[in-house]
Amino acid sequence: MREEAGAMRVIANGKPRDAEEGFTVADFILSLGSDPRYVIVELNGEALPRGRFGDMRLAEDDRIEIVKAVAGG
């Protein structure tokens, strides 16, 4: 059990990570140093529309997959 007040554990890309309670998906992405405009997210097995990143709050033990979208040719 974590001793930090206000912290919770989520599984991000298969690895346990701490997140602040109340974090939205967008907050979490920013905390990882990524830009929410350039990632694709799956939350608990469901694709999450980019427009919902700021609305969806993470909960203890949520599973989030984050993939950076890249352009190429």
N, C-alpha and C. Protein backbone atom coordinates (compact mmCIF):
# COMPACT_ATOMS: atom_id res chain seq x y z
N MET A 1 0.85 -1.19 0.00
CA MET A 1 0.00 0.00 0.00
C MET A 1 0.88 1.24 0.00
N ARG A 2 0.55 2.21 -0.82
CA ARG A 2 1.32 3.44 -0.89
C ARG A 2 1.00 4.35 0.29
N GLU A 3 2.04 5.02 0.76
CA GLU A 3 1.86 5.91 1.91
C GLU A 3 1.54 7.32 1.49
N GLU A 4 1.75 7.67 0.21
CA GLU A 4 1.49 9.02 -0.26
C GLU A 4 0.00 9.32 -0.27
N ALA A 5 -0.39 10.39 0.38
CA ALA A 5 -1.78 10.81 0.33
C ALA A 5 -2.06 11.36 -1.06
N GLY A 6 -3.21 11.03 -1.60
CA GLY A 6 -3.60 11.56 -2.89
C GLY A 6 -3.03 10.81 -4.08
N ALA A 7 -2.34 9.68 -3.84
CA ALA A 7 -1.79 8.91 -4.94
C ALA A 7 -2.57 7.61 -5.10
N MET A 8 -2.62 7.15 -6.32
CA MET A 8 -3.25 5.86 -6.61
C MET A 8 -2.38 5.14 -7.63
N ARG A 9 -2.64 3.86 -7.82
CA ARG A 9 -1.86 3.06 -8.75
C ARG A 9 -2.72 2.73 -9.96
N VAL A 10 -2.14 2.94 -11.15
CA VAL A 10 -2.77 2.51 -12.41
C VAL A 10 -1.74 1.65 -13.15
N ILE A 11 -2.22 0.90 -14.12
CA ILE A 11 -1.33 0.11 -14.96
C ILE A 11 -1.27 0.81 -16.31
N ALA A 12 -0.10 1.35 -16.65
CA ALA A 12 0.07 2.09 -17.91
C ALA A 12 1.03 1.31 -18.80
N ASN A 13 0.52 0.91 -19.96
CA ASN A 13 1.32 0.14 -20.92
C ASN A 13 1.96 -1.07 -20.24
N GLY A 14 1.18 -1.73 -19.36
CA GLY A 14 1.61 -2.96 -18.72
C GLY A 14 2.46 -2.78 -17.48
N LYS A 15 2.75 -1.54 -17.06
CA LYS A 15 3.60 -1.31 -15.90
C LYS A 15 2.85 -0.50 -14.84
N PRO A 16 2.99 -0.88 -13.57
CA PRO A 16 2.35 -0.10 -12.50
C PRO A 16 2.96 1.30 -12.43
N ARG A 17 2.09 2.30 -12.28
CA ARG A 17 2.54 3.69 -12.15
C ARG A 17 1.66 4.38 -11.13
N ASP A 18 2.24 5.34 -10.45
CA ASP A 18 1.46 6.16 -9.53
C ASP A 18 0.85 7.32 -10.29
N ALA A 19 -0.35 7.69 -9.89
CA ALA A 19 -1.04 8.84 -10.47
C ALA A 19 -1.73 9.58 -9.33
N GLU A 20 -1.90 10.85 -9.51
CA GLU A 20 -2.60 11.65 -8.50
C GLU A 20 -4.10 11.34 -8.55
N GLU A 21 -4.71 11.26 -7.39
CA GLU A 21 -6.16 11.08 -7.35
C GLU A 21 -6.81 12.26 -8.05
N GLY A 22 -7.84 11.99 -8.83
CA GLY A 22 -8.55 13.04 -9.55
C GLY A 22 -7.97 13.33 -10.92
N PHE A 23 -6.82 12.71 -11.26
CA PHE A 23 -6.23 12.90 -12.59
C PHE A 23 -7.20 12.46 -13.67
N THR A 24 -7.31 13.27 -14.71
CA THR A 24 -8.01 12.84 -15.91
C THR A 24 -6.99 12.10 -16.78
N VAL A 25 -7.49 11.48 -17.83
CA VAL A 25 -6.59 10.83 -18.79
C VAL A 25 -5.62 11.86 -19.35
N ALA A 26 -6.12 13.06 -19.68
CA ALA A 26 -5.25 14.12 -20.21
C ALA A 26 -4.17 14.51 -19.20
N ASP A 27 -4.53 14.65 -17.92
CA ASP A 27 -3.55 14.98 -16.87
C ASP A 27 -2.46 13.91 -16.82
N PHE A 28 -2.87 12.66 -16.87
CA PHE A 28 -1.91 11.56 -16.77
C PHE A 28 -0.96 11.56 -17.97
N ILE A 29 -1.50 11.77 -19.15
CA ILE A 29 -0.66 11.82 -20.36
C ILE A 29 0.36 12.95 -20.23
N LEU A 30 -0.08 14.11 -19.78
CA LEU A 30 0.83 15.24 -19.59
C LEU A 30 1.90 14.92 -18.54
N SER A 31 1.52 14.20 -17.48
CA SER A 31 2.49 13.85 -16.43
C SER A 31 3.58 12.93 -16.95
N LEU A 32 3.30 12.23 -18.05
CA LEU A 32 4.29 11.35 -18.67
C LEU A 32 5.16 12.09 -19.67
N GLY A 33 4.88 13.38 -19.87
CA GLY A 33 5.66 14.18 -20.80
C GLY A 33 5.20 14.08 -22.24
N SER A 34 3.99 13.59 -22.44
CA SER A 34 3.43 13.49 -23.79
C SER A 34 2.34 14.52 -23.99
N ASP A 35 2.02 14.78 -25.24
CA ASP A 35 0.97 15.72 -25.60
C ASP A 35 -0.29 14.93 -25.95
N PRO A 36 -1.40 15.17 -25.23
CA PRO A 36 -2.63 14.42 -25.49
C PRO A 36 -3.13 14.52 -26.94
N ARG A 37 -2.70 15.53 -27.67
CA ARG A 37 -3.15 15.67 -29.06
C ARG A 37 -2.53 14.63 -29.97
N TYR A 38 -1.44 14.01 -29.51
CA TYR A 38 -0.69 13.11 -30.39
C TYR A 38 -0.59 11.69 -29.87
N VAL A 39 -1.58 11.27 -29.09
CA VAL A 39 -1.59 9.89 -28.61
C VAL A 39 -2.95 9.25 -28.86
N ILE A 40 -2.93 7.95 -28.87
CA ILE A 40 -4.14 7.13 -28.94
C ILE A 40 -4.23 6.41 -27.61
N VAL A 41 -5.44 6.35 -27.02
CA VAL A 41 -5.59 5.78 -25.69
C VAL A 41 -6.66 4.70 -25.67
N GLU A 42 -6.34 3.64 -24.95
CA GLU A 42 -7.31 2.59 -24.63
C GLU A 42 -7.38 2.56 -23.10
N LEU A 43 -8.58 2.68 -22.56
CA LEU A 43 -8.79 2.68 -21.12
C LEU A 43 -9.63 1.47 -20.74
N ASN A 44 -9.06 0.59 -19.95
CA ASN A 44 -9.74 -0.63 -19.52
C ASN A 44 -10.31 -1.41 -20.70
N GLY A 45 -9.51 -1.50 -21.76
CA GLY A 45 -9.87 -2.31 -22.91
C GLY A 45 -10.75 -1.64 -23.95
N GLU A 46 -11.11 -0.39 -23.72
CA GLU A 46 -11.98 0.33 -24.65
C GLU A 46 -11.24 1.54 -25.25
N ALA A 47 -11.35 1.70 -26.57
CA ALA A 47 -10.76 2.88 -27.21
C ALA A 47 -11.44 4.13 -26.66
N LEU A 48 -10.65 5.14 -26.37
CA LEU A 48 -11.19 6.37 -25.79
C LEU A 48 -11.06 7.50 -26.80
N PRO A 49 -12.18 8.11 -27.19
CA PRO A 49 -12.10 9.24 -28.12
C PRO A 49 -11.29 10.39 -27.51
N ARG A 50 -10.46 11.02 -28.31
CA ARG A 50 -9.59 12.11 -27.85
C ARG A 50 -10.40 13.20 -27.13
N GLY A 51 -11.59 13.46 -27.58
CA GLY A 51 -12.43 14.48 -26.97
C GLY A 51 -12.84 14.17 -25.54
N ARG A 52 -12.64 12.94 -25.10
CA ARG A 52 -13.01 12.55 -23.73
C ARG A 52 -11.83 12.53 -22.77
N PHE A 53 -10.60 12.75 -23.27
CA PHE A 53 -9.41 12.67 -22.42
C PHE A 53 -9.51 13.59 -21.20
N GLY A 54 -10.08 14.77 -21.38
CA GLY A 54 -10.18 15.73 -20.28
C GLY A 54 -11.34 15.46 -19.35
N ASP A 55 -12.27 14.58 -19.75
CA ASP A 55 -13.46 14.27 -18.94
C ASP A 55 -13.31 13.00 -18.12
N MET A 56 -12.53 12.06 -18.61
CA MET A 56 -12.43 10.75 -17.97
C MET A 56 -11.40 10.77 -16.84
N ARG A 57 -11.88 10.54 -15.63
CA ARG A 57 -10.99 10.49 -14.47
C ARG A 57 -10.50 9.06 -14.27
N LEU A 58 -9.24 8.94 -13.94
CA LEU A 58 -8.66 7.63 -13.67
C LEU A 58 -9.06 7.17 -12.27
N ALA A 59 -9.14 5.86 -12.10
CA ALA A 59 -9.45 5.26 -10.81
C ALA A 59 -8.38 4.22 -10.48
N GLU A 60 -8.27 3.88 -9.21
CA GLU A 60 -7.32 2.88 -8.75
C GLU A 60 -7.42 1.62 -9.62
N ASP A 61 -6.27 1.12 -10.05
CA ASP A 61 -6.15 -0.11 -10.84
C ASP A 61 -6.68 -0.03 -12.26
N ASP A 62 -6.99 1.18 -12.75
CA ASP A 62 -7.35 1.31 -14.17
C ASP A 62 -6.18 0.84 -15.01
N ARG A 63 -6.50 0.29 -16.18
CA ARG A 63 -5.49 -0.13 -17.15
C ARG A 63 -5.57 0.82 -18.34
N ILE A 64 -4.47 1.49 -18.60
CA ILE A 64 -4.45 2.46 -19.69
C ILE A 64 -3.29 2.12 -20.63
N GLU A 65 -3.60 2.08 -21.92
CA GLU A 65 -2.59 1.88 -22.96
C GLU A 65 -2.50 3.18 -23.72
N ILE A 66 -1.27 3.69 -23.85
CA ILE A 66 -1.04 4.96 -24.53
C ILE A 66 -0.04 4.72 -25.65
N VAL A 67 -0.44 5.08 -26.87
CA VAL A 67 0.42 4.90 -28.03
C VAL A 67 0.59 6.25 -28.71
N LYS A 68 1.84 6.64 -28.97
CA LYS A 68 2.10 7.89 -29.66
C LYS A 68 1.78 7.71 -31.14
N ALA A 69 0.99 8.62 -31.66
CA ALA A 69 0.66 8.61 -33.08
C ALA A 69 1.82 9.27 -33.83
N VAL A 70 2.31 8.61 -34.86
CA VAL A 70 3.41 9.17 -35.64
C VAL A 70 3.04 9.15 -37.12
N ALA A 71 3.52 10.15 -37.82
CA ALA A 71 3.30 10.20 -39.26
C ALA A 71 4.54 9.63 -39.94
N GLY A 72 4.33 9.02 -41.03
CA GLY A 72 5.47 8.45 -41.74
C GLY A 72 5.14 8.23 -43.20
N GLY A 73 6.10 7.75 -43.89
CA GLY A 73 5.84 7.55 -45.29
C GLY A 73 6.62 6.42 -45.86
